[in-house]
């Protein structure tokens, strides 16, 4: 269907976005009998938002199920989330999401998504997370194929610029489609258009000049245009503009769209130093799935937003490497020179660390008893002397996945206005509302869980409203 033909229709459900959350909403609404149009900012080759770069979804299960082994119950899931967020979460919405995650893998499979057992070096998530066969690109392709087969109308290269709200009622949606203005009407609207992390000016408002050194791991199309438009029209905001899913990634990564292959999982088995060759945080604080997403923020707070992970030959087989080659040297001093660090300073830091290591039984798969003593900051687990050449280094930058400032929703995925009233015909799913549950911190695979659960919920509620 051409854009001009789409403009003459009054749709039952209009979905803004083209990632996991948007596709789950569109598919669910269409299966409920609604006439659905989906507006994707990106062209077909880059469709899918950040979901293209994902690998897994965290799912509750009370018994082994599919590729998920053992059990992962609601209370453990909730405790994991509580620990990483430090309590900055809406418990009602969080527990609702956790419970609904149990049904997600089966629903996804029925709509073309295939799963595989977790691989080694993937954060040890085989018990908690279901991995997509072919990764996020395969998931996105499966969902688009399902949506097309069901009859969802999809417009690519279409950026929504405004949703006209009248006392909480979405009257019309304004967009630019392949360079031409477009105005659409729908009985119900679902916004699933992501965060604002790719909007450099907005990031600079929150972080200052430090934002210029951030790398955006995912789509460059996450400009936050719809989010800013809604917040300017009396929609209740949630979250902090400086909070985000931020991981330490290879500093050599491209500015946008580097994806999962630029992430570095060596931190727990390394020491991490800043540009002055000084350690600044406990690298072994907890298991990596619960701590990997704090390291982007930690690096962002260091001078120049740069850090370096230092390991030796013993640690190299323990993690999936970056797509970029490791920097190697036969001595610490030579490694420092290659990294642009002061050789004497790095040698002193490594010497002090090595002297503080308390020998223990090393176990990369769980919290072990290899630690330091008398060192500040300490390394509480996986501490081993860095003494076996070749010595290896990786440069680190903050890699921003998505921002947590968003729109507030209730447990029906309805967008809330500033006075607390639900908007009449506006729902939200995915990153644009994830801040309701993720006030800070992150749990591996949980973003996809939020998008899947709230995408399905928003699609169901929007279709019901349109029918009535």
Foldseek 3Di string as FASTA:
>chain_A
DDQVVQQVDAFLEEEEAFALLRLLLLLLLLVVPTAYEYEHQAAPVAGHWLLQQAWKAFAAAQADDDQAHGGHHLVNVVVLLCVFQVNLADVVLVSVLRVVRNCQVVVLVVQPWDWDADDAQPLLCSNTITTTDVGSNNSSVSSVVSSVVSPHHYAYSKAWQAFDDDPLAGAWTWIAGPNRIGIHHYLFYEYALFFQLLQQVLLCVQQNPLSVQEAAQIDNSRRCNHFVNVVVVFFAKFADQNFFQKFWFFSVADRYNSHDLRGAPLQLQWFKAFQQLAGDDASQPFRCLQPRRCHQVVLSPGVPSKMKTKAAPVRVVRHRHHPDDWQWDQDQLVSCVVVVHHSVSNVVNLVVQQVQWDDDDADNNGFTQTWGPPDVVIHRGNRHRRDHDGMTMGMIGIHGHGGLIAFEADSLQFTAGNVGHGRDRYGYFANRHCNNGRNHGDGRNHRSSRSNVRSSSSSNVSSVSSVD
